[in-house]
């Protein structure tokens, strides 16, 4: 899941080298923290949060195959 989020984020931003993803795993749920450059934060969130919601939808569909739950947090 971590690699999936990193791949999507690097495709969207202007500074792909500044993208970092960390994963905190629990028994059923894993929290994925996404950090990008301050200039690229708007590109990840999108208008009215649509891009962020799309990334969360893809993440939940991929994690449903593994019978886990994943939560995406975008950290400033």
Protein backbone atom coordinates (compact mmCIF):
# COMPACT_ATOMS: atom_id res chain seq x y z
CA UNK A 1 0.00 0.00 0.00
CA UNK A 2 2.86 2.32 0.83
CA UNK A 3 4.34 1.93 -2.65
CA UNK A 4 0.98 2.53 -4.30
CA UNK A 5 0.44 5.83 -2.50
CA UNK A 6 4.01 6.93 -3.24
CA UNK A 7 3.63 6.11 -6.95
CA UNK A 8 0.37 8.08 -7.25
CA UNK A 9 1.72 11.06 -5.30
CA UNK A 10 4.95 11.26 -7.31
CA UNK A 11 2.94 11.33 -10.54
CA UNK A 12 0.89 14.31 -9.32
CA UNK A 13 3.50 16.65 -7.82
CA UNK A 14 6.18 18.92 -9.29
CA UNK A 15 8.86 17.74 -6.81
CA UNK A 16 8.66 13.93 -6.76
CA UNK A 17 11.88 13.68 -4.73
CA UNK A 18 10.18 15.41 -1.77
CA UNK A 19 7.45 12.76 -1.47
CA UNK A 20 7.77 10.54 1.59
CA UNK A 21 5.37 7.87 2.78
CA UNK A 22 5.40 6.11 6.13
CA UNK A 23 3.14 3.31 7.28
CA UNK A 24 1.98 2.54 10.81
CA UNK A 25 0.54 -0.96 10.92
CA UNK A 26 -1.98 -2.32 13.37
CA UNK A 27 -3.80 -5.65 13.47
CA UNK A 28 -6.62 -4.73 11.10
CA UNK A 29 -5.87 -1.13 10.16
CA UNK A 30 -2.80 0.58 8.79
CA UNK A 31 -2.32 4.34 8.76
CA UNK A 32 -0.39 5.70 5.79
CA UNK A 33 1.13 9.15 6.24
CA UNK A 34 1.93 11.12 3.09
CA UNK A 35 4.29 14.09 3.18
CA UNK A 36 4.93 16.34 0.18
CA UNK A 37 6.60 19.70 -0.38
CA UNK A 38 4.57 22.66 0.81
CA UNK A 39 4.16 23.91 -2.79
CA UNK A 40 2.67 20.56 -3.87
CA UNK A 41 0.15 20.21 -1.06
CA UNK A 42 -2.62 21.77 -3.13
CA UNK A 43 -2.02 19.35 -5.99
CA UNK A 44 -2.40 16.35 -3.67
CA UNK A 45 -5.58 17.70 -2.06
CA UNK A 46 -7.15 19.02 -5.26
CA UNK A 47 -10.22 21.21 -5.66
CA UNK A 48 -12.65 20.59 -2.81
CA UNK A 49 -10.50 17.59 -1.78
CA UNK A 50 -11.40 15.54 -4.83
CA UNK A 51 -7.87 14.31 -5.58
CA UNK A 52 -7.29 13.29 -1.97
CA UNK A 53 -10.64 11.48 -1.92
CA UNK A 54 -9.74 9.66 -5.15
CA UNK A 55 -6.44 8.48 -3.67
CA UNK A 56 -8.31 7.28 -0.56
CA UNK A 57 -10.81 5.39 -2.75
CA UNK A 58 -8.04 3.62 -4.67
CA UNK A 59 -6.29 2.81 -1.40
CA UNK A 60 -9.41 1.34 0.19
CA UNK A 61 -10.15 -0.78 -2.89
CA UNK A 62 -6.60 -2.15 -2.94
CA UNK A 63 -6.61 -2.85 0.80
CA UNK A 64 -10.00 -4.57 0.60
CA UNK A 65 -8.36 -7.24 -1.54
CA UNK A 66 -5.96 -7.90 1.34
CA UNK A 67 -8.86 -7.86 3.84
CA UNK A 68 -7.36 -4.92 5.70
CA UNK A 69 -8.35 -1.32 6.22
CA UNK A 70 -6.04 1.53 5.27
CA UNK A 71 -6.37 5.17 6.21
CA UNK A 72 -4.52 7.94 4.36
CA UNK A 73 -3.36 10.98 6.29
CA UNK A 74 -1.84 13.91 4.43
CA UNK A 75 0.67 15.54 6.77
CA UNK A 76 1.92 19.09 6.29
